[in-house]
Amino acid sequence: MKIPFRHLVSILTAALVLSACAVQHTKTALQPRADSAPAQPHTLAETQELRLNTGYIRQLKAGSQWLHVGRTAEGEVYRPYKDVLTVEGAHIHEAYLVVNGRKVVGFYLPAEGSFSKLNQEVAITFR
């Protein structure tokens, strides 16, 4: 069966649009905290807005709490305490913050065991 040219163009355009909305990520290893004591929550000092590479926006609220769970090659990893953070693209992924030098540089995606880099790093301050 031959596909008409206009249908082929529509299919290729849709595939291109969907691939542009995908969360780009690379495999990385999470090294858990070496300290055996329970992690104490870190409280976010100010509300921060993160613009994802997919065009979506995530707001981290002042007063939200984060647990240091380990590190990757890209930075220190913090998961939300009593909350869930997700990032969106073609799919929705659970995400933890990756912080390097007091800046959010991206997200650790625990289900995928991978890192998703932000195009623009965002300064972050814990109290």
PDB file of N, CA and C in Angstrom:
ATOM      1  N   MET A   1       0.847  -1.182   0.000  1.00  0.00           N
ATOM      2  CA  MET A   1       0.000   0.000   0.000  1.00  0.00           C
ATOM      3  C   MET A   1       0.888   1.240   0.000  1.00  0.00           C
ATOM      4  N   LYS A   2       0.584   2.134  -0.907  1.00  0.00           N
ATOM      5  CA  LYS A   2       1.360   3.359  -1.019  1.00  0.00           C
ATOM      6  C   LYS A   2       0.685   4.464  -0.205  1.00  0.00           C
ATOM      7  N   ILE A   3       1.481   5.177   0.585  1.00  0.00           N
ATOM      8  CA  ILE A   3       0.957   6.273   1.410  1.00  0.00           C
ATOM      9  C   ILE A   3       1.029   7.557   0.601  1.00  0.00           C
ATOM     10  N   PRO A   4      -0.083   8.309   0.536  1.00  0.00           N
ATOM     11  CA  PRO A   4      -0.047   9.581  -0.188  1.00  0.00           C
ATOM     12  C   PRO A   4       0.981  10.527   0.428  1.00  0.00           C
ATOM     13  N   PHE A   5       1.615  11.337  -0.412  1.00  0.00           N
ATOM     14  CA  PHE A   5       2.680  12.239   0.025  1.00  0.00           C
ATOM     15  C   PHE A   5       2.216  13.160   1.154  1.00  0.00           C
ATOM     16  N   ARG A   6       1.022  13.720   1.066  1.00  0.00           N
ATOM     17  CA  ARG A   6       0.551  14.660   2.099  1.00  0.00           C
ATOM     18  C   ARG A   6       0.395  13.954   3.454  1.00  0.00           C
ATOM     19  N   HIS A   7       0.037  12.670   3.469  1.00  0.00           N
ATOM     20  CA  HIS A   7      -0.062  11.908   4.720  1.00  0.00           C
ATOM     21  C   HIS A   7       1.326  11.642   5.290  1.00  0.00           C
ATOM     22  N   LEU A   8       2.257  11.353   4.406  1.00  0.00           N
ATOM     23  CA  LEU A   8       3.631  11.113   4.835  1.00  0.00           C
ATOM     24  C   LEU A   8       4.216  12.360   5.484  1.00  0.00           C
ATOM     25  N   VAL A   9       3.967  13.525   4.888  1.00  0.00           N
ATOM     26  CA  VAL A   9       4.440  14.790   5.458  1.00  0.00           C
ATOM     27  C   VAL A   9       3.810  15.015   6.824  1.00  0.00           C
ATOM     28  N   SER A  10       2.529  14.751   6.968  1.00  0.00           N
ATOM     29  CA  SER A  10       1.847  14.912   8.259  1.00  0.00           C
ATOM     30  C   SER A  10       2.436  13.984   9.319  1.00  0.00           C
ATOM     31  N   ILE A  11       2.702  12.754   8.953  1.00  0.00           N
ATOM     32  CA  ILE A  11       3.274  11.783   9.897  1.00  0.00           C
ATOM     33  C   ILE A  11       4.666  12.218  10.332  1.00  0.00           C
ATOM     34  N   LEU A  12       5.489  12.639   9.386  1.00  0.00           N
ATOM     35  CA  LEU A  12       6.846  13.082   9.717  1.00  0.00           C
ATOM     36  C   LEU A  12       6.833  14.340  10.579  1.00  0.00           C
ATOM     37  N   THR A  13       5.931  15.263  10.305  1.00  0.00           N
ATOM     38  CA  THR A  13       5.811  16.475  11.110  1.00  0.00           C
ATOM     39  C   THR A  13       5.404  16.136  12.536  1.00  0.00           C
ATOM     40  N   ALA A  14       4.439  15.263  12.696  1.00  0.00           N
ATOM     41  CA  ALA A  14       3.996  14.854  14.037  1.00  0.00           C
ATOM     42  C   ALA A  14       5.135  14.184  14.794  1.00  0.00           C
ATOM     43  N   ALA A  15       5.886  13.337  14.143  1.00  0.00           N
ATOM     44  CA  ALA A  15       7.019  12.662  14.793  1.00  0.00           C
ATOM     45  C   ALA A  15       8.079  13.661  15.232  1.00  0.00           C
ATOM     46  N   LEU A  16       8.337  14.660  14.406  1.00  0.00           N
ATOM     47  CA  LEU A  16       9.311  15.692  14.746  1.00  0.00           C
ATOM     48  C   LEU A  16       8.846  16.507  15.950  1.00  0.00           C
ATOM     49  N   VAL A  17       7.596  16.898  15.974  1.00  0.00           N
ATOM     50  CA  VAL A  17       7.039  17.673  17.093  1.00  0.00           C
ATOM     51  C   VAL A  17       7.106  16.862  18.382  1.00  0.00           C
ATOM     52  N   LEU A  18       6.711  15.608  18.329  1.00  0.00           N
ATOM     53  CA  LEU A  18       6.739  14.771  19.528  1.00  0.00           C
ATOM     54  C   LEU A  18       8.159  14.539  20.029  1.00  0.00           C
ATOM     55  N   SER A  19       9.109  14.367  19.142  1.00  0.00           N
ATOM     56  CA  SER A  19      10.485  14.143  19.587  1.00  0.00           C
ATOM     57  C   SER A  19      11.058  15.403  20.204  1.00  0.00           C
ATOM     58  N   ALA A  20      10.634  16.580  19.769  1.00  0.00           N
ATOM     59  CA  ALA A  20      11.101  17.835  20.350  1.00  0.00           C
ATOM     60  C   ALA A  20      10.570  18.017  21.760  1.00  0.00           C
ATOM     61  N   CYS A  21       9.457  17.381  22.093  1.00  0.00           N
ATOM     62  CA  CYS A  21       8.854  17.515  23.414  1.00  0.00           C
ATOM     63  C   CYS A  21       9.337  16.447  24.391  1.00  0.00           C
ATOM     64  N   ALA A  22      10.182  15.561  23.952  1.00  0.00           N
ATOM     65  CA  ALA A  22      10.642  14.482  24.826  1.00  0.00           C
ATOM     66  C   ALA A  22      11.674  14.998  25.817  1.00  0.00           C
ATOM     67  N   VAL A  23      11.646  14.460  27.025  1.00  0.00           N
ATOM     68  CA  VAL A  23      12.657  14.775  28.018  1.00  0.00           C
ATOM     69  C   VAL A  23      13.936  14.068  27.589  1.00  0.00           C
ATOM     70  N   GLN A  24      14.997  14.828  27.352  1.00  0.00           N
ATOM     71  CA  GLN A  24      16.280  14.257  26.956  1.00  0.00           C
ATOM     72  C   GLN A  24      17.037  13.860  28.217  1.00  0.00           C
ATOM     73  N   HIS A  25      17.516  12.625  28.273  1.00  0.00           N
ATOM     74  CA  HIS A  25      18.237  12.189  29.459  1.00  0.00           C
ATOM     75  C   HIS A  25      19.314  11.184  29.096  1.00  0.00           C
ATOM     76  N   THR A  26      20.332  11.119  29.963  1.00  0.00           N
ATOM     77  CA  THR A  26      21.433  10.188  29.779  1.00  0.00           C
ATOM     78  C   THR A  26      21.592   9.353  31.042  1.00  0.00           C
ATOM     79  N   LYS A  27      21.980   8.115  30.872  1.00  0.00           N
ATOM     80  CA  LYS A  27      22.192   7.216  32.013  1.00  0.00           C
ATOM     81  C   LYS A  27      23.254   7.791  32.938  1.00  0.00           C
ATOM     82  N   THR A  28      23.005   7.662  34.240  1.00  0.00           N
ATOM     83  CA  THR A  28      23.974   8.080  35.248  1.00  0.00           C
ATOM     84  C   THR A  28      23.761   7.240  36.496  1.00  0.00           C
ATOM     85  N   ALA A  29      24.808   7.087  37.277  1.00  0.00           N
ATOM     86  CA  ALA A  29      24.712   6.285  38.498  1.00  0.00           C
ATOM     87  C   ALA A  29      24.483   7.197  39.699  1.00  0.00           C
ATOM     88  N   LEU A  30      23.530   6.835  40.535  1.00  0.00           N
ATOM     89  CA  LEU A  30      23.296   7.549  41.791  1.00  0.00           C
ATOM     90  C   LEU A  30      24.124   6.864  42.872  1.00  0.00           C
ATOM     91  N   GLN A  31      25.014   7.629  43.481  1.00  0.00           N
ATOM     92  CA  GLN A  31      25.791   7.144  44.616  1.00  0.00           C
ATOM     93  C   GLN A  31      25.040   7.555  45.881  1.00  0.00           C
ATOM     94  N   PRO A  32      24.465   6.590  46.631  1.00  0.00           N
ATOM     95  CA  PRO A  32      23.716   6.953  47.839  1.00  0.00           C
ATOM     96  C   PRO A  32      24.618   7.614  48.878  1.00  0.00           C
ATOM     97  N   ARG A  33      23.991   8.375  49.761  1.00  0.00           N
ATOM     98  CA  ARG A  33      24.726   9.004  50.864  1.00  0.00           C
ATOM     99  C   ARG A  33      25.473   7.937  51.648  1.00  0.00           C
ATOM    100  N   ALA A  34      26.691   8.245  52.053  1.00  0.00           N
ATOM    101  CA  ALA A  34      27.497   7.309  52.839  1.00  0.00           C
ATOM    102  C   ALA A  34      27.099   7.345  54.313  1.00  0.00           C
ATOM    103  N   ASP A  35      26.539   8.461  54.745  1.00  0.00           N
ATOM    104  CA  ASP A  35      26.139   8.646  56.136  1.00  0.00           C
ATOM    105  C   ASP A  35      24.956   7.727  56.448  1.00  0.00           C
ATOM    106  N   SER A  36      25.061   6.957  57.527  1.00  0.00           N
ATOM    107  CA  SER A  36      23.975   6.032  57.870  1.00  0.00           C
ATOM    108  C   SER A  36      22.852   6.705  58.663  1.00  0.00           C
ATOM    109  N   ALA A  37      23.096   7.921  59.166  1.00  0.00           N
ATOM    110  CA  ALA A  37      22.051   8.649  59.898  1.00  0.00           C
ATOM    111  C   ALA A  37      20.971   9.094  58.916  1.00  0.00           C
ATOM    112  N   PRO A  38      19.716   9.147  59.362  1.00  0.00           N
ATOM    113  CA  PRO A  38      18.653   9.600  58.464  1.00  0.00           C
ATOM    114  C   PRO A  38      18.911  11.037  57.987  1.00  0.00           C
ATOM    115  N   ALA A  39      18.639  11.277  56.729  1.00  0.00           N
ATOM    116  CA  ALA A  39      18.815  12.620  56.173  1.00  0.00           C
ATOM    117  C   ALA A  39      17.797  13.568  56.779  1.00  0.00           C
ATOM    118  N   GLN A  40      18.248  14.777  57.085  1.00  0.00           N
ATOM    119  CA  GLN A  40      17.357  15.817  57.587  1.00  0.00           C
ATOM    120  C   GLN A  40      16.887  16.664  56.407  1.00  0.00           C
ATOM    121  N   PRO A  41      15.604  17.037  56.390  1.00  0.00           N
ATOM    122  CA  PRO A  41      15.109  17.838  55.263  1.00  0.00           C
ATOM    123  C   PRO A  41      15.771  19.219  55.198  1.00  0.00           C
ATOM    124  N   HIS A  42      16.041  19.640  53.980  1.00  0.00           N
ATOM    125  CA  HIS A  42      16.521  20.997  53.707  1.00  0.00           C
ATOM    126  C   HIS A  42      15.314  21.783  53.217  1.00  0.00           C
ATOM    127  N   THR A  43      15.133  22.996  53.709  1.00  0.00           N
ATOM    128  CA  THR A  43      13.975  23.804  53.347  1.00  0.00           C
ATOM    129  C   THR A  43      14.372  24.843  52.308  1.00  0.00           C
ATOM    130  N   LEU A  44      13.602  24.929  51.242  1.00  0.00           N
ATOM    131  CA  LEU A  44      13.868  25.889  50.174  1.00  0.00           C
ATOM    132  C   LEU A  44      13.535  27.293  50.666  1.00  0.00           C
ATOM    133  N   ALA A  45      14.479  28.212  50.531  1.00  0.00           N
ATOM    134  CA  ALA A  45      14.315  29.570  51.057  1.00  0.00           C
ATOM    135  C   ALA A  45      13.364  30.420  50.215  1.00  0.00           C
ATOM    136  N   GLU A  46      13.430  30.311  48.900  1.00  0.00           N
ATOM    137  CA  GLU A  46      12.623  31.147  48.005  1.00  0.00           C
ATOM    138  C   GLU A  46      11.971  30.295  46.923  1.00  0.00           C
ATOM    139  N   THR A  47      10.833  30.750  46.432  1.00  0.00           N
ATOM    140  CA  THR A  47      10.189  30.090  45.300  1.00  0.00           C
ATOM    141  C   THR A  47      11.081  30.251  44.073  1.00  0.00           C
ATOM    142  N   GLN A  48      11.237  29.168  43.334  1.00  0.00           N
ATOM    143  CA  GLN A  48      12.045  29.181  42.116  1.00  0.00           C
ATOM    144  C   GLN A  48      11.240  28.603  40.968  1.00  0.00           C
ATOM    145  N   GLU A  49      11.423  29.174  39.804  1.00  0.00           N
ATOM    146  CA  GLU A  49      10.753  28.674  38.608  1.00  0.00           C
ATOM    147  C   GLU A  49      11.798  28.045  37.694  1.00  0.00           C
ATOM    148  N   LEU A  50      11.541  26.818  37.305  1.00  0.00           N
ATOM    149  CA  LEU A  50      12.442  26.103  36.406  1.00  0.00           C
ATOM    150  C   LEU A  50      11.769  25.940  35.054  1.00  0.00           C
ATOM    151  N   ARG A  51      12.423  26.406  34.018  1.00  0.00           N
ATOM    152  CA  ARG A  51      11.910  26.231  32.651  1.00  0.00           C
ATOM    153  C   ARG A  51      12.588  25.010  32.052  1.00  0.00           C
ATOM    154  N   LEU A  52      11.777  23.993  31.809  1.00  0.00           N
ATOM    155  CA  LEU A  52      12.313  22.754  31.270  1.00  0.00           C
ATOM    156  C   LEU A  52      12.613  22.891  29.783  1.00  0.00           C
ATOM    157  N   ASN A  53      13.501  22.063  29.296  1.00  0.00           N
ATOM    158  CA  ASN A  53      13.863  22.066  27.870  1.00  0.00           C
ATOM    159  C   ASN A  53      12.669  21.741  26.980  1.00  0.00           C
ATOM    160  N   THR A  54      11.649  21.120  27.556  1.00  0.00           N
ATOM    161  CA  THR A  54      10.466  20.740  26.798  1.00  0.00           C
ATOM    162  C   THR A  54       9.466  21.891  26.662  1.00  0.00           C
ATOM    163  N   GLY A  55       9.743  23.028  27.339  1.00  0.00           N
ATOM    164  CA  GLY A  55       8.829  24.162  27.297  1.00  0.00           C
ATOM    165  C   GLY A  55       7.927  24.240  28.517  1.00  0.00           C
ATOM    166  N   TYR A  56       7.846  23.174  29.292  1.00  0.00           N
ATOM    167  CA  TYR A  56       7.040  23.184  30.500  1.00  0.00           C
ATOM    168  C   TYR A  56       7.770  23.937  31.613  1.00  0.00           C
ATOM    169  N   ILE A  57       7.014  24.399  32.594  1.00  0.00           N
ATOM    170  CA  ILE A  57       7.567  25.134  33.735  1.00  0.00           C
ATOM    171  C   ILE A  57       7.238  24.370  35.009  1.00  0.00           C
ATOM    172  N   ARG A  58       8.202  24.287  35.904  1.00  0.00           N
ATOM    173  CA  ARG A  58       7.998  23.696  37.224  1.00  0.00           C
ATOM    174  C   ARG A  58       8.328  24.770  38.248  1.00  0.00           C
ATOM    175  N   GLN A  59       7.457  24.898  39.236  1.00  0.00           N
ATOM    176  CA  GLN A  59       7.695  25.859  40.303  1.00  0.00           C
ATOM    177  C   GLN A  59       8.039  25.107  41.579  1.00  0.00           C
ATOM    178  N   LEU A  60       9.181  25.453  42.160  1.00  0.00           N
ATOM    179  CA  LEU A  60       9.590  24.907  43.445  1.00  0.00           C
ATOM    180  C   LEU A  60       9.195  25.937  44.494  1.00  0.00           C
ATOM    181  N   LYS A  61       8.326  25.571  45.415  1.00  0.00           N
ATOM    182  CA  LYS A  61       7.771  26.533  46.365  1.00  0.00           C
ATOM    183  C   LYS A  61       8.688  26.773  47.555  1.00  0.00           C
ATOM    184  N   ALA A  62       8.752  28.041  47.972  1.00  0.00           N
ATOM    185  CA  ALA A  62       9.464  28.384  49.205  1.00  0.00           C
ATOM    186  C   ALA A  62       8.859  27.573  50.337  1.00  0.00           C
ATOM    187  N   GLY A  63       9.703  27.057  51.200  1.00  0.00           N
ATOM    188  CA  GLY A  63       9.225  26.243  52.315  1.00  0.00           C
ATOM    189  C   GLY A  63       9.128  24.766  51.998  1.00  0.00           C
ATOM    190  N   SER A  64       9.247  24.395  50.713  1.00  0.00           N
ATOM    191  CA  SER A  64       9.222  22.966  50.384  1.00  0.00           C
ATOM    192  C   SER A  64      10.480  22.323  50.952  1.00  0.00           C
ATOM    193  N   GLN A  65      10.378  21.046  51.249  1.00  0.00           N
ATOM    194  CA  GLN A  65      11.500  20.366  51.886  1.00  0.00           C
ATOM    195  C   GLN A  65      12.077  19.295  50.977  1.00  0.00           C
ATOM    196  N   TRP A  66      13.404  19.116  51.096  1.00  0.00           N
ATOM    197  CA  TRP A  66      14.144  18.229  50.203  1.00  0.00           C
ATOM    198  C   TRP A  66      15.144  17.418  51.009  1.00  0.00           C
ATOM    199  N   LEU A  67      15.242  16.137  50.700  1.00  0.00           N
ATOM    200  CA  LEU A  67      16.191  15.245  51.363  1.00  0.00           C
ATOM    201  C   LEU A  67      17.374  14.958  50.444  1.00  0.00           C
ATOM    202  N   HIS A  68      18.571  15.122  50.989  1.00  0.00           N
ATOM    203  CA  HIS A  68      19.777  14.781  50.232  1.00  0.00           C
ATOM    204  C   HIS A  68      19.875  13.260  50.196  1.00  0.00           C
ATOM    205  N   VAL A  69      19.812  12.675  49.001  1.00  0.00           N
ATOM    206  CA  VAL A  69      19.818  11.211  48.880  1.00  0.00           C
ATOM    207  C   VAL A  69      21.114  10.660  48.307  1.00  0.00           C
ATOM    208  N   GLY A  70      21.975  11.533  47.785  1.00  0.00           N
ATOM    209  CA  GLY A  70      23.232  11.054  47.216  1.00  0.00           C
ATOM    210  C   GLY A  70      23.760  12.023  46.191  1.00  0.00           C
ATOM    211  N   ARG A  71      24.566  11.461  45.290  1.00  0.00           N
ATOM    212  CA  ARG A  71      25.126  12.309  44.237  1.00  0.00           C
ATOM    213  C   ARG A  71      25.314  11.525  42.948  1.00  0.00           C
ATOM    214  N   THR A  72      25.351  12.272  41.869  1.00  0.00           N
ATOM    215  CA  THR A  72      25.698  11.723  40.564  1.00  0.00           C
ATOM    216  C   THR A  72      26.926  12.491  40.088  1.00  0.00           C
ATOM    217  N   ALA A  73      27.441  12.154  38.945  1.00  0.00           N
ATOM    218  CA  ALA A  73      28.578  12.891  38.385  1.00  0.00           C
ATOM    219  C   ALA A  73      28.212  14.355  38.151  1.00  0.00           C
ATOM    220  N   GLU A  74      26.918  14.635  37.994  1.00  0.00           N
ATOM    221  CA  GLU A  74      26.471  16.005  37.684  1.00  0.00           C
ATOM    222  C   GLU A  74      26.255  16.870  38.926  1.00  0.00           C
ATOM    223  N   GLY A  75      26.102  16.258  40.108  1.00  0.00           N
ATOM    224  CA  GLY A  75      25.906  17.054  41.322  1.00  0.00           C
ATOM    225  C   GLY A  75      25.195  16.289  42.424  1.00  0.00           C
ATOM    226  N   GLU A  76      24.844  17.028  43.481  1.00  0.00           N
ATOM    227  CA  GLU A  76      24.147  16.462  44.632  1.00  0.00           C
ATOM    228  C   GLU A  76      22.672  16.263  44.280  1.00  0.00           C
ATOM    229  N   VAL A  77      22.081  15.174  44.762  1.00  0.00           N
ATOM    230  CA  VAL A  77      20.706  14.822  44.394  1.00  0.00           C
ATOM    231  C   VAL A  77      19.796  14.968  45.618  1.00  0.00           C
ATOM    232  N   TYR A  78      18.680  15.689  45.426  1.00  0.00           N
ATOM    233  CA  TYR A  78      17.693  15.929  46.477  1.00  0.00           C
ATOM    234  C   TYR A  78      16.323  15.473  45.989  1.00  0.00           C
ATOM    235  N   ARG A  79      15.659  14.659  46.813  1.00  0.00           N
ATOM    236  CA  ARG A  79      14.294  14.261  46.459  1.00  0.00           C
ATOM    237  C   ARG A  79      13.326  15.032  47.332  1.00  0.00           C
ATOM    238  N   PRO A  80      12.131  15.290  46.818  1.00  0.00           N
ATOM    239  CA  PRO A  80      11.145  16.025  47.616  1.00  0.00           C
ATOM    240  C   PRO A  80      10.754  15.213  48.859  1.00  0.00           C
ATOM    241  N   TYR A  81      10.574  15.905  49.964  1.00  0.00           N
ATOM    242  CA  TYR A  81      10.175  15.279  51.220  1.00  0.00           C
ATOM    243  C   TYR A  81       8.663  15.378  51.350  1.00  0.00           C
ATOM    244  N   LYS A  82       8.005  14.238  51.430  1.00  0.00           N
ATOM    245  CA  LYS A  82       6.546  14.155  51.535  1.00  0.00           C
ATOM    246  C   LYS A  82       5.849  14.840  50.360  1.00  0.00           C
ATOM    247  N   ASP A  83       6.417  14.704  49.190  1.00  0.00           N
ATOM    248  CA  ASP A  83       5.867  15.316  47.985  1.00  0.00           C
ATOM    249  C   ASP A  83       6.433  14.567  46.780  1.00  0.00           C
ATOM    250  N   VAL A  84       5.979  14.935  45.591  1.00  0.00           N
ATOM    251  CA  VAL A  84       6.475  14.342  44.354  1.00  0.00           C
ATOM    252  C   VAL A  84       6.742  15.474  43.369  1.00  0.00           C
ATOM    253  N   LEU A  85       7.858  15.382  42.670  1.00  0.00           N
ATOM    254  CA  LEU A  85       8.185  16.317  41.602  1.00  0.00           C
ATOM    255  C   LEU A  85       8.187  15.530  40.302  1.00  0.00           C
ATOM    256  N   THR A  86       7.548  16.079  39.279  1.00  0.00           N
ATOM    257  CA  THR A  86       7.552  15.431  37.968  1.00  0.00           C
ATOM    258  C   THR A  86       8.028  16.413  36.912  1.00  0.00           C
ATOM    259  N   VAL A  87       8.587  15.881  35.844  1.00  0.00           N
ATOM    260  CA  VAL A  87       8.919  16.676  34.668  1.00  0.00           C
ATOM    261  C   VAL A  87       8.171  16.071  33.491  1.00  0.00           C
ATOM    262  N   GLU A  88       7.790  16.939  32.556  1.00  0.00           N
ATOM    263  CA  GLU A  88       6.958  16.503  31.443  1.00  0.00           C
ATOM    264  C   GLU A  88       7.643  16.694  30.111  1.00  0.00           C
ATOM    265  N   GLY A  89       7.342  15.797  29.230  1.00  0.00           N
ATOM    266  CA  GLY A  89       7.738  15.863  27.834  1.00  0.00           C
ATOM    267  C   GLY A  89       6.685  15.066  27.097  1.00  0.00           C
ATOM    268  N   ALA A  90       7.121  14.101  26.332  1.00  0.00           N
ATOM    269  CA  ALA A  90       6.170  13.182  25.707  1.00  0.00           C
ATOM    270  C   ALA A  90       5.549  12.284  26.780  1.00  0.00           C
ATOM    271  N   HIS A  91       6.273  12.114  27.897  1.00  0.00           N
ATOM    272  CA  HIS A  91       5.816  11.333  29.049  1.00  0.00           C
ATOM    273  C   HIS A  91       6.040  12.145  30.309  1.00  0.00           C
ATOM    274  N   ILE A  92       5.495  11.683  31.423  1.00  0.00           N
ATOM    275  CA  ILE A  92       5.723  12.318  32.723  1.00  0.00           C
ATOM    276  C   ILE A  92       6.685  11.434  33.497  1.00  0.00           C
ATOM    277  N   HIS A  93       7.725  12.051  34.060  1.00  0.00           N
ATOM    278  CA  HIS A  93       8.754  11.326  34.793  1.00  0.00           C
ATOM    279  C   HIS A  93       8.838  11.856  36.219  1.00  0.00           C
ATOM    280  N   GLU A  94       8.967  10.954  37.203  1.00  0.00           N
ATOM    281  CA  GLU A  94       9.294  11.394  38.555  1.00  0.00           C
ATOM    282  C   GLU A  94      10.712  11.951  38.505  1.00  0.00           C
ATOM    283  N   ALA A  95      10.959  13.031  39.275  1.00  0.00           N
ATOM    284  CA  ALA A  95      12.264  13.675  39.196  1.00  0.00           C
ATOM    285  C   ALA A  95      12.747  14.141  40.566  1.00  0.00           C
ATOM    286  N   TYR A  96      14.056  14.108  40.741  1.00  0.00           N
ATOM    287  CA  TYR A  96      14.726  14.683  41.899  1.00  0.00           C
ATOM    288  C   TYR A  96      15.599  15.826  41.382  1.00  0.00           C
ATOM    289  N   LEU A  97      15.878  16.808  42.236  1.00  0.00           N
ATOM    290  CA  LEU A  97      16.743  17.918  41.841  1.00  0.00           C
ATOM    291  C   LEU A  97      18.202  17.478  41.846  1.00  0.00           C
ATOM    292  N   VAL A  98      18.960  17.975  40.887  1.00  0.00           N
ATOM    293  CA  VAL A  98      20.408  17.806  40.890  1.00  0.00           C
ATOM    294  C   VAL A  98      21.002  19.204  41.024  1.00  0.00           C
ATOM    295  N   VAL A  99      21.757  19.396  42.114  1.00  0.00           N
ATOM    296  CA  VAL A  99      22.301  20.709  42.454  1.00  0.00           C
ATOM    297  C   VAL A  99      23.819  20.647  42.426  1.00  0.00           C
ATOM    298  N   ASN A 100      24.419  21.621  41.747  1.00  0.00           N
ATOM    299  CA  ASN A 100      25.873  21.709  41.674  1.00  0.00           C
ATOM    300  C   ASN A 100      26.250  23.167  41.881  1.00  0.00           C
ATOM    301  N   GLY A 101      27.013  23.436  42.937  1.00  0.00           N
ATOM    302  CA  GLY A 101      27.450  24.814  43.191  1.00  0.00           C
ATOM    303  C   GLY A 101      26.298  25.755  43.468  1.00  0.00           C
ATOM    304  N   ARG A 102      25.304  25.329  44.234  1.00  0.00           N
ATOM    305  CA  ARG A 102      24.124  26.127  44.601  1.00  0.00           C
ATOM    306  C   ARG A 102      23.240  26.486  43.409  1.00  0.00           C
ATOM    307  N   LYS A 103      23.318  25.679  42.376  1.00  0.00           N
ATOM    308  CA  LYS A 103      22.455  25.868  41.210  1.00  0.00           C
ATOM    309  C   LYS A 103      21.819  24.541  40.833  1.00  0.00           C
ATOM    310  N   VAL A 104      20.535  24.591  40.480  1.00  0.00           N
ATOM    311  CA  VAL A 104      19.876  23.411  39.930  1.00  0.00           C
ATOM    312  C   VAL A 104      20.381  23.277  38.500  1.00  0.00           C
ATOM    313  N   VAL A 105      21.019  22.140  38.205  1.00  0.00           N
ATOM    314  CA  VAL A 105      21.583  21.916  36.874  1.00  0.00           C
ATOM    315  C   VAL A 105      20.743  20.947  36.052  1.00  0.00           C
ATOM    316  N   GLY A 106      19.807  20.259  36.742  1.00  0.00           N
ATOM    317  CA  GLY A 106      18.964  19.304  36.040  1.00  0.00           C
ATOM    318  C   GLY A 106      18.217  18.422  37.014  1.00  0.00           C
ATOM    319  N   PHE A 107      17.789  17.271  36.506  1.00  0.00           N
ATOM    320  CA  PHE A 107      16.973  16.355  37.301  1.00  0.00           C
ATOM    321  C   PHE A 107      17.540  14.950  37.209  1.00  0.00           C
ATOM    322  N   TYR A 108      17.469  14.234  38.316  1.00  0.00           N
ATOM    323  CA  TYR A 108      17.748  12.809  38.319  1.00  0.00           C
ATOM    324  C   TYR A 108      16.395  12.120  38.180  1.00  0.00           C
ATOM    325  N   LEU A 109      16.265  11.237  37.209  1.00  0.00           N
ATOM    326  CA  LEU A 109      15.028  10.498  36.971  1.00  0.00           C
ATOM    327  C   LEU A 109      15.211   9.099  37.546  1.00  0.00           C
ATOM    328  N   PRO A 110      14.682   8.841  38.761  1.00  0.00           N
ATOM    329  CA  PRO A 110      14.987   7.578  39.442  1.00  0.00           C
ATOM    330  C   PRO A 110      14.497   6.330  38.707  1.00  0.00           C
ATOM    331  N   ALA A 111      13.345   6.377  38.084  1.00  0.00           N
ATOM    332  CA  ALA A 111      12.835   5.191  37.394  1.00  0.00           C
ATOM    333  C   ALA A 111      13.709   4.814  36.202  1.00  0.00           C
ATOM    334  N   GLU A 112      14.296   5.829  35.564  1.00  0.00           N
ATOM    335  CA  GLU A 112      15.137   5.594  34.393  1.00  0.00           C
ATOM    336  C   GLU A 112      16.609   5.461  34.760  1.00  0.00           C
ATOM    337  N   GLY A 113      16.985   5.898  35.998  1.00  0.00           N
ATOM    338  CA  GLY A 113      18.397   5.904  36.385  1.00  0.00           C
ATOM    339  C   GLY A 113      19.201   6.825  35.496  1.00  0.00           C
ATOM    340  N   SER A 114      18.629   8.016  35.227  1.00  0.00           N
ATOM    341  CA  SER A 114      19.283   8.916  34.286  1.00  0.00           C
ATOM    342  C   SER A 114      19.191  10.375  34.730  1.00  0.00           C
ATOM    343  N   PHE A 115      19.941  11.214  34.030  1.00  0.00           N
ATOM    344  CA  PHE A 115      20.027  12.649  34.300  1.00  0.00           C
ATOM    345  C   PHE A 115      19.466  13.419  33.122  1.00  0.00           C
ATOM    346  N   SER A 116      18.646  14.437  33.432  1.00  0.00           N
ATOM    347  CA  SER A 116      18.104  15.331  32.405  1.00  0.00           C
ATOM    348  C   SER A 116      18.591  16.738  32.712  1.00  0.00           C
ATOM    349  N   LYS A 117      19.382  17.288  31.820  1.00  0.00           N
ATOM    350  CA  LYS A 117      20.029  18.588  32.015  1.00  0.00           C
ATOM    351  C   LYS A 117      19.078  19.740  31.686  1.00  0.00           C
ATOM    352  N   LEU A 118      19.133  20.793  32.520  1.00  0.00           N
ATOM    353  CA  LEU A 118      18.431  22.034  32.206  1.00  0.00           C
ATOM    354  C   LEU A 118      19.290  22.847  31.249  1.00  0.00           C
ATOM    355  N   ASN A 119      18.681  23.539  30.305  1.00  0.00           N
ATOM    356  CA  ASN A 119      19.437  24.431  29.427  1.00  0.00           C
ATOM    357  C   ASN A 119      19.969  25.620  30.204  1.00  0.00           C
ATOM    358  N   GLN A 120      19.182  26.090  31.179  1.00  0.00           N
ATOM    359  CA  GLN A 120      19.585  27.246  31.981  1.00  0.00           C
ATOM    360  C   GLN A 120      19.570  26.845  33.456  1.00  0.00           C
ATOM    361  N   GLU A 121      20.728  26.915  34.102  1.00  0.00           N
ATOM    362  CA  GLU A 121      20.838  26.594  35.525  1.00  0.00           C
ATOM    363  C   GLU A 121      20.129  27.672  36.342  1.00  0.00           C
ATOM    364  N   VAL A 122      19.582  27.275  37.513  1.00  0.00           N
ATOM    365  CA  VAL A 122      18.828  28.184  38.355  1.00  0.00           C
ATOM    366  C   VAL A 122      19.410  28.165  39.761  1.00  0.00           C
ATOM    367  N   ALA A 123      19.727  29.344  40.307  1.00  0.00           N
ATOM    368  CA  ALA A 123      20.268  29.444  41.663  1.00  0.00           C
ATOM    369  C   ALA A 123      19.228  28.955  42.658  1.00  0.00           C
ATOM    370  N   ILE A 124      19.690  28.263  43.709  1.00  0.00           N
ATOM    371  CA  ILE A 124      18.805  27.717  44.721  1.00  0.00           C
ATOM    372  C   ILE A 124      19.460  27.901  46.094  1.00  0.00           C
ATOM    373  N   THR A 125      18.639  28.212  47.087  1.00  0.00           N
ATOM    374  CA  THR A 125      19.139  28.392  48.446  1.00  0.00           C
ATOM    375  C   THR A 125      18.274  27.612  49.415  1.00  0.00           C
ATOM    376  N   PHE A 126      18.935  26.769  50.186  1.00  0.00           N
ATOM    377  CA  PHE A 126      18.244  26.057  51.268  1.00  0.00           C
ATOM    378  C   PHE A 126      18.520  26.813  52.561  1.00  0.00           C
ATOM    379  N   ARG A 127      17.508  26.843  53.448  1.00  0.00           N
ATOM    380  CA  ARG A 127      17.709  27.444  54.775  1.00  0.00           C
ATOM    381  C   ARG A 127      18.368  26.455  55.674  1.00  0.00           C
TER     382      ARG A 127
END
